[in-house]
Amino acid sequence: MDNVDKVLLEIEADNEIMKVRFTGLLDTTADMREKHGFGTTKAFLLEKQGHASLRDQARALLKVLEKLENISADGKTARLIIKAVNSLQYKRRR
């Protein structure tokens, strides 16, 4: 099992991430992480926590981002992992 597998399992096991219904913020975050890196994406999500309608999504995505930082994922890999969150939720519901 490589680091990507481990992070995907950690995300799938995290109820705080899995219970959130994501909208376009998930895709925006994935794209931002790939193009602009960790710091900019973190600042973006911290700002989004100030919006009541995005608060839960931003918090969950910050947790995902933190898990990605722990494995030093490159931009493309990080993008794929963030985008996989919806699929993990679907898989978990089945």
N, C-alpha and C. Protein backbone atom coordinates (compact mmCIF):
# COMPACT_ATOMS: atom_id res chain seq x y z
N MET A 1 0.85 -1.17 0.00
CA MET A 1 0.00 0.00 0.00
C MET A 1 0.90 1.25 0.00
N ASP A 2 0.67 2.13 -0.97
CA ASP A 2 1.49 3.34 -1.03
C ASP A 2 0.82 4.48 -0.27
N ASN A 3 1.46 5.63 -0.26
CA ASN A 3 0.95 6.78 0.50
C ASN A 3 -0.40 7.27 0.01
N VAL A 4 -0.63 7.20 -1.29
CA VAL A 4 -1.91 7.63 -1.84
C VAL A 4 -3.02 6.73 -1.32
N ASP A 5 -2.80 5.42 -1.34
CA ASP A 5 -3.78 4.48 -0.81
C ASP A 5 -4.09 4.77 0.65
N LYS A 6 -3.05 5.04 1.42
CA LYS A 6 -3.24 5.33 2.84
C LYS A 6 -4.08 6.58 3.06
N VAL A 7 -3.80 7.62 2.28
CA VAL A 7 -4.56 8.86 2.43
C VAL A 7 -6.01 8.65 2.02
N LEU A 8 -6.24 7.91 0.95
CA LEU A 8 -7.62 7.64 0.53
C LEU A 8 -8.38 6.88 1.62
N LEU A 9 -7.72 5.93 2.25
CA LEU A 9 -8.36 5.18 3.34
C LEU A 9 -8.63 6.09 4.54
N GLU A 10 -7.69 6.98 4.85
CA GLU A 10 -7.89 7.93 5.95
C GLU A 10 -9.07 8.85 5.68
N ILE A 11 -9.17 9.33 4.46
CA ILE A 11 -10.28 10.21 4.09
C ILE A 11 -11.60 9.46 4.19
N GLU A 12 -11.62 8.27 3.65
CA GLU A 12 -12.86 7.47 3.67
C GLU A 12 -13.29 7.14 5.10
N ALA A 13 -12.35 6.98 6.00
CA ALA A 13 -12.67 6.64 7.39
C ALA A 13 -13.04 7.86 8.23
N ASP A 14 -12.84 9.05 7.70
CA ASP A 14 -13.08 10.28 8.45
C ASP A 14 -14.53 10.73 8.28
N ASN A 15 -15.34 10.52 9.30
CA ASN A 15 -16.76 10.85 9.23
C ASN A 15 -17.03 12.33 9.02
N GLU A 16 -16.15 13.18 9.53
CA GLU A 16 -16.34 14.62 9.35
C GLU A 16 -16.20 15.02 7.88
N ILE A 17 -15.40 14.31 7.14
CA ILE A 17 -15.27 14.58 5.71
C ILE A 17 -16.40 13.90 4.95
N MET A 18 -16.67 12.66 5.28
CA MET A 18 -17.64 11.88 4.52
C MET A 18 -19.09 12.35 4.67
N LYS A 19 -19.41 13.04 5.75
CA LYS A 19 -20.79 13.46 5.95
C LYS A 19 -21.16 14.75 5.20
N VAL A 20 -20.16 15.43 4.66
CA VAL A 20 -20.39 16.72 4.01
C VAL A 20 -20.87 16.51 2.58
N ARG A 21 -21.86 17.30 2.20
CA ARG A 21 -22.33 17.29 0.81
C ARG A 21 -21.57 18.40 0.07
N PHE A 22 -20.75 17.98 -0.87
CA PHE A 22 -19.89 18.93 -1.58
C PHE A 22 -20.58 19.48 -2.82
N THR A 23 -20.29 20.74 -3.09
CA THR A 23 -20.76 21.38 -4.32
C THR A 23 -19.53 21.69 -5.16
N GLY A 24 -19.55 22.76 -5.89
CA GLY A 24 -18.43 23.14 -6.74
C GLY A 24 -17.15 23.47 -6.00
N LEU A 25 -17.25 23.66 -4.68
CA LEU A 25 -16.05 23.98 -3.90
C LEU A 25 -15.02 22.86 -3.97
N LEU A 26 -15.46 21.65 -4.09
CA LEU A 26 -14.55 20.50 -4.18
C LEU A 26 -13.69 20.62 -5.44
N ASP A 27 -14.31 20.85 -6.58
CA ASP A 27 -13.57 20.96 -7.83
C ASP A 27 -12.67 22.20 -7.84
N THR A 28 -13.19 23.30 -7.33
CA THR A 28 -12.39 24.52 -7.27
C THR A 28 -11.15 24.31 -6.41
N THR A 29 -11.33 23.64 -5.29
CA THR A 29 -10.20 23.36 -4.39
C THR A 29 -9.18 22.45 -5.06
N ALA A 30 -9.64 21.42 -5.75
CA ALA A 30 -8.73 20.50 -6.44
C ALA A 30 -7.92 21.25 -7.50
N ASP A 31 -8.59 22.08 -8.27
CA ASP A 31 -7.89 22.84 -9.31
C ASP A 31 -6.90 23.83 -8.70
N MET A 32 -7.32 24.49 -7.64
CA MET A 32 -6.46 25.47 -6.99
C MET A 32 -5.21 24.81 -6.41
N ARG A 33 -5.38 23.65 -5.78
CA ARG A 33 -4.23 22.95 -5.19
C ARG A 33 -3.22 22.57 -6.26
N GLU A 34 -3.71 22.13 -7.41
CA GLU A 34 -2.79 21.75 -8.48
C GLU A 34 -2.05 22.97 -9.04
N LYS A 35 -2.75 24.06 -9.24
CA LYS A 35 -2.17 25.22 -9.92
C LYS A 35 -1.40 26.16 -9.00
N HIS A 36 -1.87 26.29 -7.74
CA HIS A 36 -1.31 27.33 -6.88
C HIS A 36 -0.64 26.82 -5.61
N GLY A 37 -0.73 25.53 -5.34
CA GLY A 37 -0.04 24.97 -4.19
C GLY A 37 -0.83 24.98 -2.89
N PHE A 38 -0.18 24.47 -1.87
CA PHE A 38 -0.81 24.26 -0.57
C PHE A 38 -1.21 25.56 0.12
N GLY A 39 -0.30 26.50 0.22
CA GLY A 39 -0.54 27.72 0.98
C GLY A 39 -1.71 28.54 0.45
N THR A 40 -1.75 28.73 -0.84
CA THR A 40 -2.84 29.50 -1.45
C THR A 40 -4.17 28.79 -1.27
N THR A 41 -4.16 27.49 -1.43
CA THR A 41 -5.40 26.71 -1.28
C THR A 41 -5.88 26.77 0.17
N LYS A 42 -4.97 26.68 1.10
CA LYS A 42 -5.34 26.77 2.51
C LYS A 42 -5.94 28.14 2.82
N ALA A 43 -5.32 29.20 2.32
CA ALA A 43 -5.84 30.55 2.54
C ALA A 43 -7.25 30.69 1.94
N PHE A 44 -7.44 30.14 0.76
CA PHE A 44 -8.75 30.16 0.10
C PHE A 44 -9.81 29.48 0.96
N LEU A 45 -9.48 28.30 1.48
CA LEU A 45 -10.45 27.55 2.29
C LEU A 45 -10.70 28.23 3.64
N LEU A 46 -9.68 28.82 4.21
CA LEU A 46 -9.88 29.55 5.47
C LEU A 46 -10.86 30.70 5.27
N GLU A 47 -10.74 31.38 4.13
CA GLU A 47 -11.66 32.47 3.83
C GLU A 47 -13.07 31.93 3.62
N LYS A 48 -13.21 30.80 2.98
CA LYS A 48 -14.53 30.21 2.72
C LYS A 48 -15.23 29.77 4.00
N GLN A 49 -14.47 29.52 5.06
CA GLN A 49 -15.10 29.16 6.34
C GLN A 49 -15.96 30.30 6.88
N GLY A 50 -15.71 31.50 6.43
CA GLY A 50 -16.48 32.66 6.86
C GLY A 50 -17.85 32.75 6.21
N HIS A 51 -18.11 31.93 5.22
CA HIS A 51 -19.40 31.92 4.54
C HIS A 51 -20.22 30.76 5.11
N ALA A 52 -21.35 31.08 5.70
CA ALA A 52 -22.16 30.05 6.38
C ALA A 52 -22.48 28.87 5.46
N SER A 53 -22.77 29.15 4.20
CA SER A 53 -23.17 28.08 3.28
C SER A 53 -22.00 27.19 2.86
N LEU A 54 -20.77 27.63 3.07
CA LEU A 54 -19.59 26.87 2.66
C LEU A 54 -18.76 26.36 3.83
N ARG A 55 -19.14 26.73 5.04
CA ARG A 55 -18.32 26.44 6.22
C ARG A 55 -17.97 24.95 6.36
N ASP A 56 -18.98 24.08 6.30
CA ASP A 56 -18.72 22.65 6.49
C ASP A 56 -17.83 22.08 5.38
N GLN A 57 -18.09 22.52 4.16
CA GLN A 57 -17.27 22.05 3.04
C GLN A 57 -15.82 22.50 3.21
N ALA A 58 -15.64 23.76 3.57
CA ALA A 58 -14.29 24.29 3.73
C ALA A 58 -13.54 23.57 4.85
N ARG A 59 -14.20 23.31 5.95
CA ARG A 59 -13.55 22.59 7.05
C ARG A 59 -13.14 21.18 6.63
N ALA A 60 -14.03 20.49 5.94
CA ALA A 60 -13.73 19.14 5.50
C ALA A 60 -12.57 19.15 4.50
N LEU A 61 -12.58 20.10 3.60
CA LEU A 61 -11.51 20.18 2.60
C LEU A 61 -10.18 20.58 3.23
N LEU A 62 -10.21 21.37 4.29
CA LEU A 62 -8.98 21.68 5.02
C LEU A 62 -8.40 20.40 5.64
N LYS A 63 -9.27 19.52 6.12
CA LYS A 63 -8.80 18.24 6.67
C LYS A 63 -8.16 17.39 5.57
N VAL A 64 -8.79 17.38 4.40
CA VAL A 64 -8.22 16.64 3.27
C VAL A 64 -6.86 17.22 2.91
N LEU A 65 -6.80 18.54 2.83
CA LEU A 65 -5.55 19.22 2.49
C LEU A 65 -4.45 18.89 3.49
N GLU A 66 -4.80 18.83 4.76
CA GLU A 66 -3.83 18.49 5.79
C GLU A 66 -3.28 17.07 5.59
N LYS A 67 -4.17 16.15 5.24
CA LYS A 67 -3.73 14.77 5.00
C LYS A 67 -2.79 14.72 3.79
N LEU A 68 -3.06 15.55 2.79
CA LEU A 68 -2.22 15.59 1.60
C LEU A 68 -0.85 16.18 1.92
N GLU A 69 -0.82 17.16 2.78
CA GLU A 69 0.45 17.78 3.15
C GLU A 69 1.35 16.77 3.85
N ASN A 70 0.75 15.87 4.60
CA ASN A 70 1.52 14.87 5.33
C ASN A 70 2.26 13.90 4.43
N ILE A 71 1.79 13.75 3.18
CA ILE A 71 2.48 12.84 2.26
C ILE A 71 3.22 13.61 1.17
N SER A 72 3.18 14.93 1.23
CA SER A 72 3.87 15.77 0.24
C SER A 72 3.46 15.41 -1.19
N ALA A 73 2.16 15.31 -1.42
CA ALA A 73 1.65 14.97 -2.75
C ALA A 73 1.92 16.09 -3.73
N ASP A 74 2.34 15.71 -4.94
CA ASP A 74 2.53 16.72 -5.98
C ASP A 74 1.16 17.26 -6.41
N GLY A 75 1.15 18.33 -7.19
CA GLY A 75 -0.10 18.99 -7.56
C GLY A 75 -1.11 18.11 -8.25
N LYS A 76 -0.67 17.33 -9.22
CA LYS A 76 -1.60 16.48 -9.97
C LYS A 76 -2.16 15.37 -9.10
N THR A 77 -1.33 14.77 -8.28
CA THR A 77 -1.80 13.71 -7.39
C THR A 77 -2.77 14.27 -6.36
N ALA A 78 -2.44 15.42 -5.81
CA ALA A 78 -3.34 16.06 -4.83
C ALA A 78 -4.70 16.36 -5.45
N ARG A 79 -4.68 16.85 -6.69
CA ARG A 79 -5.93 17.15 -7.40
C ARG A 79 -6.78 15.89 -7.54
N LEU A 80 -6.16 14.80 -7.95
CA LEU A 80 -6.89 13.54 -8.13
C LEU A 80 -7.47 13.04 -6.80
N ILE A 81 -6.71 13.16 -5.74
CA ILE A 81 -7.19 12.70 -4.44
C ILE A 81 -8.37 13.55 -3.98
N ILE A 82 -8.28 14.86 -4.12
CA ILE A 82 -9.38 15.72 -3.70
C ILE A 82 -10.63 15.40 -4.52
N LYS A 83 -10.48 15.23 -5.81
CA LYS A 83 -11.63 14.92 -6.66
C LYS A 83 -12.21 13.54 -6.35
N ALA A 84 -11.41 12.66 -5.77
CA ALA A 84 -11.89 11.31 -5.44
C ALA A 84 -12.82 11.29 -4.23
N VAL A 85 -12.90 12.39 -3.50
CA VAL A 85 -13.74 12.41 -2.29
C VAL A 85 -15.19 12.06 -2.62
N ASN A 86 -15.73 12.61 -3.70
CA ASN A 86 -17.12 12.27 -4.08
C ASN A 86 -17.28 10.78 -4.34
N SER A 87 -16.33 10.19 -5.01
CA SER A 87 -16.39 8.75 -5.30
C SER A 87 -16.30 7.93 -4.02
N LEU A 88 -15.47 8.38 -3.10
CA LEU A 88 -15.36 7.68 -1.80
C LEU A 88 -16.67 7.75 -1.04
N GLN A 89 -17.33 8.89 -1.11
CA GLN A 89 -18.63 9.02 -0.45
C GLN A 89 -19.65 8.07 -1.07
N TYR A 90 -19.66 8.01 -2.38
CA TYR A 90 -20.60 7.13 -3.09
C TYR A 90 -20.32 5.68 -2.71
N LYS A 91 -19.06 5.31 -2.72
CA LYS A 91 -18.66 3.93 -2.38
C LYS A 91 -19.09 3.58 -0.96
N ARG A 92 -18.95 4.54 -0.06
CA ARG A 92 -19.26 4.31 1.34
C ARG A 92 -20.76 4.12 1.57
N ARG A 93 -21.57 4.83 0.77
CA ARG A 93 -23.04 4.73 0.91
C ARG A 93 -23.59 3.41 0.41
N ARG A 94 -22.86 2.74 -0.45
CA ARG A 94 -23.36 1.50 -1.06
C ARG A 94 -23.32 0.34 -0.14
